[in-house]
Amino acid sequence: MKKNLLLSFVCIFAISLQMSATVHIVSQVGFLFEPASFNLVVGDTVRFVRTSGTHNTSSTSVPEGAATWFSPLTSSVTEFDYKVEVAGEYNYECTLHPGQIGSFTAEVAPNSVQNVSRAAIDMNVHTSANGNLTVRVLNASGDKATVTMLDITGREVATLHQGVIASDDFTIRQDVSVFQRGIYFVRFQEGARVSTRKVLVQ
């Protein structure tokens, strides 16, 4: 009986947390993000919504331990959701339009507990003078993952890895000398955990 009561309490608590979470809409309006800045609490979701044209949303700085993001905002990808799991200041931009920037600040809700059971995915990404791309993935769990390369519009141009990650310190090397020069993004996805890094191919 006590076990059933405890289980019921846990379920009700989890549902109440989900119901209390808020979705904050950030609209792309012309060459602006509106609102340009706002506050929220950990557990909320930021939903980026495209209204016209070709844009994207790309994190430029996030708190330590938070996931980075990059997503196109186009006629085929009109919305992108980012769940906030770490307190601190977040800044983002549209890489296609200088000056199209925004920010939000996340605070820990009263009586809430942050999930710190697993460190956030991190990546070190760089290219060499001879056109070799090196991606070092840290804090992966060893599960199946996909690592892709996107151009500045968000179009996938290469799959760098698909399958099991051998360890939590995993390195990928790829020849990108045939790619056009410019800015690209390397995106790592392992279940719900995603990390994105910007890289310049020269």
N, C-alpha and C. Protein backbone atom coordinates (compact mmCIF):
# COMPACT_ATOMS: atom_id res chain seq x y z
N MET A 1 0.81 -1.21 0.00
CA MET A 1 0.00 0.00 0.00
C MET A 1 0.85 1.26 0.00
N LYS A 2 1.86 1.28 0.90
CA LYS A 2 2.76 2.43 0.97
C LYS A 2 3.50 2.61 -0.34
N LYS A 3 3.90 1.48 -0.96
CA LYS A 3 4.63 1.55 -2.23
C LYS A 3 3.76 2.18 -3.31
N ASN A 4 2.47 1.81 -3.35
CA ASN A 4 1.56 2.37 -4.34
C ASN A 4 1.33 3.86 -4.12
N LEU A 5 1.22 4.25 -2.85
CA LEU A 5 1.05 5.67 -2.54
C LEU A 5 2.26 6.48 -2.98
N LEU A 6 3.47 5.93 -2.72
CA LEU A 6 4.70 6.61 -3.11
C LEU A 6 4.78 6.75 -4.62
N LEU A 7 4.43 5.68 -5.33
CA LEU A 7 4.46 5.72 -6.79
C LEU A 7 3.47 6.75 -7.32
N SER A 8 2.30 6.83 -6.73
CA SER A 8 1.29 7.81 -7.15
C SER A 8 1.79 9.22 -6.93
N PHE A 9 2.45 9.44 -5.77
CA PHE A 9 2.99 10.77 -5.48
C PHE A 9 4.04 11.18 -6.50
N VAL A 10 4.93 10.25 -6.85
CA VAL A 10 5.99 10.54 -7.83
C VAL A 10 5.38 10.89 -9.17
N CYS A 11 4.36 10.13 -9.60
CA CYS A 11 3.72 10.40 -10.89
C CYS A 11 3.05 11.76 -10.91
N ILE A 12 2.34 12.08 -9.81
CA ILE A 12 1.66 13.39 -9.72
C ILE A 12 2.68 14.51 -9.73
N PHE A 13 3.80 14.33 -9.02
CA PHE A 13 4.85 15.36 -8.99
C PHE A 13 5.45 15.58 -10.36
N ALA A 14 5.70 14.48 -11.09
CA ALA A 14 6.28 14.59 -12.43
C ALA A 14 5.32 15.29 -13.38
N ILE A 15 4.03 14.95 -13.28
CA ILE A 15 3.04 15.58 -14.15
C ILE A 15 2.92 17.07 -13.82
N SER A 16 2.97 17.41 -12.55
CA SER A 16 2.86 18.82 -12.17
C SER A 16 4.03 19.63 -12.67
N LEU A 17 5.22 19.02 -12.69
CA LEU A 17 6.38 19.72 -13.22
C LEU A 17 6.21 19.97 -14.71
N GLN A 18 5.72 18.96 -15.45
CA GLN A 18 5.52 19.13 -16.88
C GLN A 18 4.49 20.21 -17.17
N MET A 19 3.39 20.22 -16.36
CA MET A 19 2.34 21.20 -16.57
C MET A 19 2.81 22.61 -16.26
N SER A 20 3.75 22.75 -15.31
CA SER A 20 4.21 24.07 -14.92
C SER A 20 5.22 24.64 -15.91
N ALA A 21 5.80 23.80 -16.76
CA ALA A 21 6.77 24.29 -17.74
C ALA A 21 6.06 25.16 -18.77
N THR A 22 6.75 26.20 -19.22
CA THR A 22 6.18 27.17 -20.15
C THR A 22 6.93 27.11 -21.47
N VAL A 23 6.19 27.30 -22.57
CA VAL A 23 6.80 27.42 -23.89
C VAL A 23 6.84 28.90 -24.25
N HIS A 24 8.04 29.41 -24.50
CA HIS A 24 8.25 30.81 -24.85
C HIS A 24 8.45 30.92 -26.36
N ILE A 25 7.64 31.71 -27.02
CA ILE A 25 7.71 31.86 -28.47
C ILE A 25 8.67 32.99 -28.84
N VAL A 26 9.64 32.67 -29.68
CA VAL A 26 10.53 33.69 -30.27
C VAL A 26 10.25 33.69 -31.77
N SER A 27 9.68 34.77 -32.27
CA SER A 27 9.31 34.85 -33.68
C SER A 27 10.40 35.53 -34.49
N GLN A 28 10.66 34.98 -35.66
CA GLN A 28 11.52 35.66 -36.63
C GLN A 28 10.61 36.62 -37.39
N VAL A 29 10.87 37.91 -37.20
CA VAL A 29 10.08 38.96 -37.86
C VAL A 29 11.03 39.82 -38.68
N GLY A 30 10.99 39.67 -40.00
CA GLY A 30 11.97 40.37 -40.84
C GLY A 30 13.36 39.86 -40.51
N PHE A 31 14.23 40.78 -40.11
CA PHE A 31 15.59 40.41 -39.75
C PHE A 31 15.83 40.58 -38.25
N LEU A 32 14.77 40.32 -37.47
CA LEU A 32 14.84 40.43 -36.02
C LEU A 32 14.27 39.17 -35.38
N PHE A 33 14.69 38.92 -34.13
CA PHE A 33 14.03 37.96 -33.27
C PHE A 33 13.20 38.74 -32.26
N GLU A 34 11.93 38.39 -32.11
CA GLU A 34 11.07 39.07 -31.15
C GLU A 34 10.42 38.05 -30.23
N PRO A 35 10.53 38.26 -28.89
CA PRO A 35 11.26 39.33 -28.23
C PRO A 35 12.77 39.15 -28.35
N ALA A 36 13.50 40.25 -28.25
CA ALA A 36 14.95 40.18 -28.39
C ALA A 36 15.61 39.60 -27.15
N SER A 37 14.97 39.76 -25.99
CA SER A 37 15.51 39.19 -24.76
C SER A 37 14.36 38.96 -23.78
N PHE A 38 14.51 37.96 -22.92
CA PHE A 38 13.48 37.64 -21.95
C PHE A 38 14.06 36.72 -20.90
N ASN A 39 13.28 36.48 -19.84
CA ASN A 39 13.67 35.60 -18.76
C ASN A 39 12.76 34.38 -18.72
N LEU A 40 13.27 33.27 -18.21
CA LEU A 40 12.48 32.06 -18.06
C LEU A 40 13.07 31.24 -16.92
N VAL A 41 12.49 30.07 -16.67
CA VAL A 41 13.02 29.20 -15.63
C VAL A 41 13.47 27.89 -16.25
N VAL A 42 14.41 27.24 -15.58
CA VAL A 42 14.91 25.95 -16.05
C VAL A 42 13.75 24.96 -16.15
N GLY A 43 13.69 24.26 -17.28
CA GLY A 43 12.58 23.35 -17.54
C GLY A 43 11.65 23.88 -18.60
N ASP A 44 11.69 25.21 -18.84
CA ASP A 44 10.88 25.81 -19.90
C ASP A 44 11.46 25.47 -21.27
N THR A 45 10.68 25.72 -22.30
CA THR A 45 11.10 25.49 -23.68
C THR A 45 11.03 26.79 -24.46
N VAL A 46 12.04 27.05 -25.28
CA VAL A 46 12.04 28.19 -26.19
C VAL A 46 11.69 27.65 -27.58
N ARG A 47 10.63 28.19 -28.16
CA ARG A 47 10.20 27.77 -29.50
C ARG A 47 10.47 28.89 -30.49
N PHE A 48 11.41 28.65 -31.42
CA PHE A 48 11.72 29.60 -32.47
C PHE A 48 10.76 29.36 -33.64
N VAL A 49 10.12 30.43 -34.11
CA VAL A 49 9.10 30.31 -35.14
C VAL A 49 9.46 31.19 -36.32
N ARG A 50 9.50 30.61 -37.49
CA ARG A 50 9.78 31.33 -38.72
C ARG A 50 8.50 31.91 -39.29
N THR A 51 8.55 33.17 -39.77
CA THR A 51 7.38 33.79 -40.39
C THR A 51 7.57 33.99 -41.90
N SER A 52 8.82 34.21 -42.33
CA SER A 52 9.06 34.40 -43.76
C SER A 52 10.56 34.31 -44.03
N GLY A 53 10.91 34.11 -45.32
CA GLY A 53 12.31 34.12 -45.71
C GLY A 53 13.07 32.89 -45.26
N THR A 54 14.39 32.95 -45.43
CA THR A 54 15.30 31.86 -45.03
C THR A 54 16.19 32.36 -43.91
N HIS A 55 16.10 31.73 -42.77
CA HIS A 55 16.84 32.14 -41.57
C HIS A 55 17.31 30.89 -40.84
N ASN A 56 17.96 31.10 -39.71
CA ASN A 56 18.30 30.00 -38.81
C ASN A 56 18.44 30.55 -37.40
N THR A 57 18.55 29.67 -36.44
CA THR A 57 18.86 30.06 -35.07
C THR A 57 20.06 29.25 -34.61
N SER A 58 21.08 29.94 -34.15
CA SER A 58 22.34 29.30 -33.77
C SER A 58 22.85 29.89 -32.47
N SER A 59 23.09 29.04 -31.49
CA SER A 59 23.62 29.54 -30.21
C SER A 59 25.02 30.09 -30.41
N THR A 60 25.32 31.20 -29.74
CA THR A 60 26.67 31.77 -29.77
C THR A 60 27.37 31.62 -28.43
N SER A 61 26.59 31.58 -27.35
CA SER A 61 27.17 31.29 -26.03
C SER A 61 26.07 30.74 -25.14
N VAL A 62 26.43 29.72 -24.36
CA VAL A 62 25.49 29.08 -23.43
C VAL A 62 26.23 28.83 -22.11
N PRO A 63 25.51 28.65 -21.02
CA PRO A 63 26.17 28.35 -19.74
C PRO A 63 26.91 27.01 -19.81
N GLU A 64 27.90 26.87 -18.95
CA GLU A 64 28.65 25.61 -18.89
C GLU A 64 27.71 24.45 -18.58
N GLY A 65 27.82 23.40 -19.37
CA GLY A 65 26.98 22.23 -19.17
C GLY A 65 25.71 22.23 -19.98
N ALA A 66 25.39 23.35 -20.63
CA ALA A 66 24.18 23.43 -21.46
C ALA A 66 24.49 22.99 -22.89
N ALA A 67 23.49 22.47 -23.58
CA ALA A 67 23.65 22.05 -24.96
C ALA A 67 23.59 23.26 -25.89
N THR A 68 24.43 23.25 -26.91
CA THR A 68 24.34 24.27 -27.95
C THR A 68 23.28 23.84 -28.97
N TRP A 69 22.94 24.73 -29.89
CA TRP A 69 21.95 24.37 -30.91
C TRP A 69 22.20 25.11 -32.22
N PHE A 70 21.69 24.52 -33.28
CA PHE A 70 21.62 25.15 -34.60
C PHE A 70 20.46 24.52 -35.34
N SER A 71 19.59 25.35 -35.88
CA SER A 71 18.48 24.84 -36.67
C SER A 71 18.11 25.84 -37.75
N PRO A 72 17.84 25.36 -38.96
CA PRO A 72 17.30 26.26 -39.99
C PRO A 72 15.89 26.71 -39.62
N LEU A 73 15.49 27.86 -40.12
CA LEU A 73 14.12 28.34 -40.04
C LEU A 73 13.71 28.69 -41.47
N THR A 74 13.12 27.74 -42.14
CA THR A 74 12.81 27.87 -43.56
C THR A 74 11.37 27.42 -43.81
N SER A 75 10.98 27.41 -45.07
CA SER A 75 9.63 26.99 -45.42
C SER A 75 9.39 25.52 -45.08
N SER A 76 10.47 24.73 -45.01
CA SER A 76 10.32 23.30 -44.67
C SER A 76 10.58 23.03 -43.19
N VAL A 77 11.27 23.92 -42.50
CA VAL A 77 11.50 23.80 -41.05
C VAL A 77 11.04 25.11 -40.43
N THR A 78 9.79 25.17 -40.03
CA THR A 78 9.20 26.44 -39.58
C THR A 78 9.30 26.66 -38.08
N GLU A 79 9.62 25.60 -37.32
CA GLU A 79 9.73 25.74 -35.87
C GLU A 79 10.90 24.92 -35.35
N PHE A 80 11.45 25.37 -34.23
CA PHE A 80 12.51 24.61 -33.55
C PHE A 80 12.34 24.83 -32.05
N ASP A 81 12.32 23.74 -31.29
CA ASP A 81 12.18 23.79 -29.84
C ASP A 81 13.51 23.52 -29.15
N TYR A 82 13.81 24.33 -28.16
CA TYR A 82 15.01 24.12 -27.34
C TYR A 82 14.58 24.11 -25.87
N LYS A 83 14.80 22.96 -25.21
CA LYS A 83 14.45 22.85 -23.80
C LYS A 83 15.62 23.32 -22.94
N VAL A 84 15.36 24.22 -22.04
CA VAL A 84 16.40 24.82 -21.20
C VAL A 84 16.58 23.96 -19.96
N GLU A 85 17.80 23.47 -19.77
CA GLU A 85 18.07 22.54 -18.66
C GLU A 85 19.14 23.06 -17.70
N VAL A 86 19.75 24.21 -18.02
CA VAL A 86 20.81 24.76 -17.17
C VAL A 86 20.55 26.25 -16.98
N ALA A 87 20.73 26.74 -15.76
CA ALA A 87 20.54 28.15 -15.48
C ALA A 87 21.69 28.97 -16.06
N GLY A 88 21.39 30.22 -16.44
CA GLY A 88 22.42 31.11 -16.95
C GLY A 88 21.94 31.90 -18.15
N GLU A 89 22.88 32.59 -18.80
CA GLU A 89 22.55 33.45 -19.94
C GLU A 89 22.85 32.73 -21.25
N TYR A 90 21.91 32.81 -22.18
CA TYR A 90 22.02 32.19 -23.50
C TYR A 90 21.96 33.29 -24.56
N ASN A 91 22.86 33.22 -25.54
CA ASN A 91 22.86 34.17 -26.65
C ASN A 91 22.81 33.41 -27.97
N TYR A 92 22.13 33.98 -28.96
CA TYR A 92 21.98 33.29 -30.24
C TYR A 92 21.89 34.30 -31.37
N GLU A 93 21.97 33.79 -32.60
CA GLU A 93 21.97 34.64 -33.79
C GLU A 93 21.41 33.88 -34.97
N CYS A 94 21.10 34.61 -36.03
CA CYS A 94 20.91 34.02 -37.35
C CYS A 94 22.22 34.23 -38.09
N THR A 95 22.88 33.16 -38.48
CA THR A 95 24.20 33.28 -39.11
C THR A 95 24.11 33.88 -40.51
N LEU A 96 22.90 33.94 -41.08
CA LEU A 96 22.74 34.48 -42.43
C LEU A 96 22.59 35.99 -42.44
N HIS A 97 22.21 36.57 -41.30
CA HIS A 97 21.89 37.99 -41.27
C HIS A 97 22.56 38.64 -40.05
N PRO A 98 23.68 39.32 -40.24
CA PRO A 98 24.37 40.01 -39.14
C PRO A 98 23.42 40.98 -38.43
N GLY A 99 23.44 40.95 -37.12
CA GLY A 99 22.57 41.83 -36.35
C GLY A 99 21.26 41.18 -35.94
N GLN A 100 20.95 40.02 -36.49
CA GLN A 100 19.74 39.30 -36.08
C GLN A 100 20.13 38.42 -34.91
N ILE A 101 20.01 38.98 -33.71
CA ILE A 101 20.51 38.32 -32.50
C ILE A 101 19.43 38.33 -31.43
N GLY A 102 19.63 37.54 -30.40
CA GLY A 102 18.71 37.51 -29.27
C GLY A 102 19.36 36.86 -28.07
N SER A 103 18.67 36.90 -26.94
CA SER A 103 19.21 36.30 -25.72
C SER A 103 18.07 36.00 -24.75
N PHE A 104 18.33 35.09 -23.83
CA PHE A 104 17.42 34.86 -22.72
C PHE A 104 18.22 34.40 -21.51
N THR A 105 17.66 34.62 -20.34
CA THR A 105 18.31 34.25 -19.09
C THR A 105 17.42 33.27 -18.35
N ALA A 106 18.01 32.14 -17.96
CA ALA A 106 17.27 31.09 -17.26
C ALA A 106 17.64 31.09 -15.78
N GLU A 107 16.62 31.00 -14.94
CA GLU A 107 16.82 30.90 -13.50
C GLU A 107 16.24 29.59 -13.00
N VAL A 108 16.77 29.11 -11.89
CA VAL A 108 16.26 27.88 -11.30
C VAL A 108 14.96 28.21 -10.58
N ALA A 109 13.91 27.45 -10.88
CA ALA A 109 12.62 27.66 -10.23
C ALA A 109 12.72 27.29 -8.76
N PRO A 110 11.99 27.96 -7.89
CA PRO A 110 12.00 27.61 -6.46
C PRO A 110 11.63 26.14 -6.26
N ASN A 111 12.35 25.48 -5.35
CA ASN A 111 12.09 24.08 -4.97
C ASN A 111 12.35 23.08 -6.09
N SER A 112 13.03 23.52 -7.16
CA SER A 112 13.32 22.58 -8.25
C SER A 112 14.70 21.98 -8.07
N VAL A 113 14.91 20.83 -8.70
CA VAL A 113 16.21 20.14 -8.64
C VAL A 113 16.70 19.93 -10.05
N GLN A 114 17.90 20.41 -10.38
CA GLN A 114 18.44 20.22 -11.71
C GLN A 114 19.02 18.82 -11.85
N ASN A 115 18.84 18.26 -13.02
CA ASN A 115 19.37 16.93 -13.33
C ASN A 115 20.83 17.05 -13.74
N VAL A 116 21.73 16.56 -12.89
CA VAL A 116 23.16 16.64 -13.19
C VAL A 116 23.76 15.24 -13.26
N SER A 117 22.92 14.25 -13.56
CA SER A 117 23.39 12.87 -13.54
C SER A 117 24.34 12.56 -14.68
N ARG A 118 24.25 13.34 -15.78
CA ARG A 118 25.13 13.10 -16.92
C ARG A 118 25.63 14.43 -17.46
N ALA A 119 26.93 14.53 -17.67
CA ALA A 119 27.49 15.77 -18.20
C ALA A 119 27.01 16.00 -19.62
N ALA A 120 26.88 17.27 -19.98
CA ALA A 120 26.42 17.61 -21.32
C ALA A 120 27.47 17.19 -22.36
N ILE A 121 26.97 16.86 -23.54
CA ILE A 121 27.86 16.56 -24.65
C ILE A 121 28.73 17.78 -24.94
N ASP A 122 29.99 17.57 -25.19
CA ASP A 122 30.87 18.66 -25.60
C ASP A 122 31.68 18.19 -26.80
N MET A 123 32.06 19.13 -27.65
CA MET A 123 32.86 18.80 -28.83
C MET A 123 33.95 19.83 -29.03
N ASN A 124 35.10 19.35 -29.45
CA ASN A 124 36.16 20.21 -29.96
C ASN A 124 36.26 19.96 -31.45
N VAL A 125 36.09 21.02 -32.25
CA VAL A 125 36.04 20.88 -33.70
C VAL A 125 37.02 21.87 -34.33
N HIS A 126 37.85 21.38 -35.26
CA HIS A 126 38.73 22.30 -35.98
C HIS A 126 39.13 21.70 -37.32
N THR A 127 39.56 22.56 -38.22
CA THR A 127 40.08 22.12 -39.52
C THR A 127 41.55 22.52 -39.63
N SER A 128 42.31 21.69 -40.36
CA SER A 128 43.72 21.97 -40.57
C SER A 128 43.92 22.66 -41.92
N ALA A 129 45.14 23.12 -42.16
CA ALA A 129 45.44 23.84 -43.40
C ALA A 129 45.27 22.97 -44.63
N ASN A 130 45.44 21.65 -44.49
CA ASN A 130 45.32 20.76 -45.65
C ASN A 130 43.90 20.20 -45.82
N GLY A 131 42.92 20.76 -45.07
CA GLY A 131 41.53 20.40 -45.29
C GLY A 131 41.04 19.19 -44.53
N ASN A 132 41.68 18.87 -43.41
CA ASN A 132 41.21 17.76 -42.58
C ASN A 132 40.40 18.29 -41.41
N LEU A 133 39.21 17.75 -41.21
CA LEU A 133 38.34 18.12 -40.10
C LEU A 133 38.51 17.10 -38.98
N THR A 134 38.72 17.59 -37.77
CA THR A 134 38.81 16.72 -36.59
C THR A 134 37.70 17.09 -35.62
N VAL A 135 36.93 16.09 -35.22
CA VAL A 135 35.85 16.27 -34.26
C VAL A 135 36.13 15.37 -33.07
N ARG A 136 36.32 15.96 -31.91
CA ARG A 136 36.54 15.19 -30.68
C ARG A 136 35.30 15.33 -29.81
N VAL A 137 34.65 14.22 -29.55
CA VAL A 137 33.40 14.20 -28.78
C VAL A 137 33.70 13.78 -27.35
N LEU A 138 33.26 14.59 -26.39
CA LEU A 138 33.48 14.31 -24.98
C LEU A 138 32.14 14.07 -24.30
N ASN A 139 32.12 13.19 -23.32
CA ASN A 139 30.95 12.90 -22.49
C ASN A 139 29.85 12.15 -23.22
N ALA A 140 30.19 11.48 -24.33
CA ALA A 140 29.20 10.60 -24.96
C ALA A 140 29.01 9.37 -24.08
N SER A 141 27.84 8.74 -24.20
CA SER A 141 27.54 7.61 -23.31
C SER A 141 27.98 6.28 -23.88
N GLY A 142 28.37 6.23 -25.15
CA GLY A 142 28.73 4.97 -25.78
C GLY A 142 27.57 4.35 -26.52
N ASP A 143 26.43 5.06 -26.57
CA ASP A 143 25.26 4.57 -27.30
C ASP A 143 25.37 4.94 -28.77
N LYS A 144 24.32 4.58 -29.54
CA LYS A 144 24.29 4.95 -30.95
C LYS A 144 24.15 6.46 -31.09
N ALA A 145 24.88 7.01 -32.04
CA ALA A 145 24.86 8.45 -32.25
C ALA A 145 25.04 8.75 -33.74
N THR A 146 24.64 9.95 -34.11
CA THR A 146 24.81 10.42 -35.48
C THR A 146 25.55 11.75 -35.45
N VAL A 147 26.59 11.86 -36.26
CA VAL A 147 27.34 13.10 -36.38
C VAL A 147 27.24 13.56 -37.83
N THR A 148 26.68 14.74 -38.03
CA THR A 148 26.47 15.25 -39.38
C THR A 148 27.11 16.62 -39.54
N MET A 149 27.29 17.01 -40.79
CA MET A 149 27.83 18.32 -41.11
C MET A 149 26.78 19.08 -41.92
N LEU A 150 26.48 20.30 -41.49
CA LEU A 150 25.46 21.13 -42.12
C LEU A 150 26.10 22.38 -42.70
N ASP A 151 25.53 22.88 -43.82
CA ASP A 151 26.00 24.15 -44.32
C ASP A 151 25.29 25.27 -43.58
N ILE A 152 25.55 26.51 -43.97
CA ILE A 152 25.05 27.66 -43.21
C ILE A 152 23.53 27.80 -43.30
N THR A 153 22.91 27.16 -44.28
CA THR A 153 21.45 27.20 -44.40
C THR A 153 20.78 26.09 -43.60
N GLY A 154 21.58 25.17 -43.02
CA GLY A 154 21.03 24.06 -42.27
C GLY A 154 20.88 22.79 -43.09
N ARG A 155 21.32 22.81 -44.35
CA ARG A 155 21.23 21.62 -45.20
C ARG A 155 22.35 20.65 -44.84
N GLU A 156 22.00 19.36 -44.68
CA GLU A 156 23.00 18.35 -44.35
C GLU A 156 23.86 18.07 -45.58
N VAL A 157 25.17 18.19 -45.42
CA VAL A 157 26.08 17.98 -46.55
C VAL A 157 26.93 16.73 -46.38
N ALA A 158 26.99 16.18 -45.17
CA ALA A 158 27.79 14.96 -44.97
C ALA A 158 27.40 14.30 -43.67
N THR A 159 27.46 12.97 -43.66
CA THR A 159 27.31 12.19 -42.42
C THR A 159 28.70 11.73 -42.01
N LEU A 160 29.18 12.21 -40.88
CA LEU A 160 30.53 11.90 -40.43
C LEU A 160 30.59 10.60 -39.63
N HIS A 161 29.51 10.27 -38.97
CA HIS A 161 29.46 9.02 -38.19
C HIS A 161 28.01 8.67 -37.93
N GLN A 162 27.72 7.37 -37.99
CA GLN A 162 26.39 6.89 -37.64
C GLN A 162 26.55 5.49 -37.05
N GLY A 163 26.22 5.37 -35.78
CA GLY A 163 26.38 4.09 -35.11
C GLY A 163 26.85 4.26 -33.68
N VAL A 164 27.38 3.20 -33.11
CA VAL A 164 27.80 3.21 -31.71
C VAL A 164 29.06 4.05 -31.55
N ILE A 165 29.08 4.86 -30.49
CA ILE A 165 30.28 5.62 -30.12
C ILE A 165 31.13 4.73 -29.22
N ALA A 166 32.39 4.58 -29.57
CA ALA A 166 33.24 3.61 -28.88
C ALA A 166 33.49 3.96 -27.42
N SER A 167 33.56 5.25 -27.09
CA SER A 167 33.86 5.65 -25.72
C SER A 167 33.38 7.08 -25.53
N ASP A 168 33.54 7.59 -24.30
CA ASP A 168 33.10 8.96 -24.03
C ASP A 168 34.12 9.99 -24.52
N ASP A 169 35.23 9.55 -25.07
CA ASP A 169 36.23 10.44 -25.67
C ASP A 169 36.50 9.89 -27.06
N PHE A 170 35.73 10.35 -28.03
CA PHE A 170 35.66 9.74 -29.35
C PHE A 170 36.10 10.77 -30.40
N THR A 171 36.98 10.36 -31.32
CA THR A 171 37.52 11.29 -32.31
C THR A 171 37.15 10.85 -33.72
N ILE A 172 36.70 11.80 -34.52
CA ILE A 172 36.35 11.58 -35.92
C ILE A 172 37.24 12.47 -36.77
N ARG A 173 37.77 11.91 -37.86
CA ARG A 173 38.56 12.71 -38.80
C ARG A 173 37.95 12.58 -40.20
N GLN A 174 37.83 13.69 -40.90
CA GLN A 174 37.17 13.71 -42.20
C GLN A 174 37.89 14.67 -43.14
N ASP A 175 38.10 14.25 -44.38
CA ASP A 175 38.68 15.13 -45.40
C ASP A 175 37.57 16.04 -45.94
N VAL A 176 37.72 17.34 -45.74
CA VAL A 176 36.72 18.30 -46.23
C VAL A 176 37.33 19.26 -47.26
N SER A 177 38.45 18.85 -47.84
CA SER A 177 39.14 19.72 -48.80
C SER A 177 38.32 19.96 -50.05
N VAL A 178 37.35 19.07 -50.35
CA VAL A 178 36.53 19.24 -51.55
C VAL A 178 35.33 20.15 -51.28
N PHE A 179 35.10 20.53 -50.03
CA PHE A 179 33.98 21.39 -49.71
C PHE A 179 34.28 22.84 -50.11
N GLN A 180 33.25 23.58 -50.44
CA GLN A 180 33.42 25.01 -50.69
C GLN A 180 33.83 25.70 -49.40
N ARG A 181 34.63 26.75 -49.54
CA ARG A 181 35.03 27.50 -48.36
C ARG A 181 33.83 28.17 -47.72
N GLY A 182 33.86 28.26 -46.39
CA GLY A 182 32.77 28.93 -45.69
C GLY A 182 32.51 28.34 -44.33
N ILE A 183 31.41 28.77 -43.73
CA ILE A 183 31.03 28.35 -42.39
C ILE A 183 30.12 27.12 -42.47
N TYR A 184 30.43 26.13 -41.64
CA TYR A 184 29.63 24.92 -41.54
C TYR A 184 29.34 24.66 -40.06
N PHE A 185 28.48 23.67 -39.81
CA PHE A 185 28.16 23.27 -38.44
C PHE A 185 28.27 21.76 -38.33
N VAL A 186 28.91 21.31 -37.25
CA VAL A 186 28.98 19.88 -36.95
C VAL A 186 27.96 19.61 -35.84
N ARG A 187 27.06 18.66 -36.10
CA ARG A 187 25.97 18.37 -35.17
C ARG A 187 26.07 16.93 -34.69
N PHE A 188 26.12 16.77 -33.37
CA PHE A 188 26.17 15.46 -32.72
C PHE A 188 24.84 15.20 -32.05
N GLN A 189 24.22 14.05 -32.33
CA GLN A 189 22.96 13.71 -31.69
C GLN A 189 23.02 12.28 -31.16
N GLU A 190 22.71 12.15 -29.87
CA GLU A 190 22.69 10.85 -29.19
C GLU A 190 21.40 10.82 -28.38
N GLY A 191 20.36 10.22 -28.93
CA GLY A 191 19.05 10.26 -28.28
C GLY A 191 18.55 11.70 -28.26
N ALA A 192 18.19 12.17 -27.06
CA ALA A 192 17.69 13.53 -26.92
C ALA A 192 18.82 14.54 -26.72
N ARG A 193 20.04 14.05 -26.58
CA ARG A 193 21.16 14.96 -26.33
C ARG A 193 21.75 15.41 -27.67
N VAL A 194 21.87 16.72 -27.82
CA VAL A 194 22.36 17.30 -29.07
C VAL A 194 23.39 18.36 -28.76
N SER A 195 24.45 18.42 -29.55
CA SER A 195 25.43 19.48 -29.44
C SER A 195 25.85 19.90 -30.84
N THR A 196 26.02 21.19 -31.04
CA THR A 196 26.38 21.72 -32.36
C THR A 196 27.56 22.68 -32.21
N ARG A 197 28.49 22.60 -33.16
CA ARG A 197 29.64 23.49 -33.15
C ARG A 197 29.85 24.08 -34.55
N LYS A 198 30.24 25.34 -34.57
CA LYS A 198 30.54 26.03 -35.83
C LYS A 198 31.98 25.75 -36.24
N VAL A 199 32.22 25.59 -37.53
CA VAL A 199 33.58 25.33 -38.03
C VAL A 199 33.76 26.06 -39.35
N LEU A 200 34.94 26.58 -39.58
CA LEU A 200 35.26 27.30 -40.81
C LEU A 200 36.13 26.42 -41.70
N VAL A 201 35.67 26.16 -42.93
CA VAL A 201 36.45 25.44 -43.92
C VAL A 201 37.12 26.48 -44.82
N GLN A 202 38.46 26.47 -44.84
CA GLN A 202 39.20 27.49 -45.60
C GLN A 202 39.80 26.92 -46.87
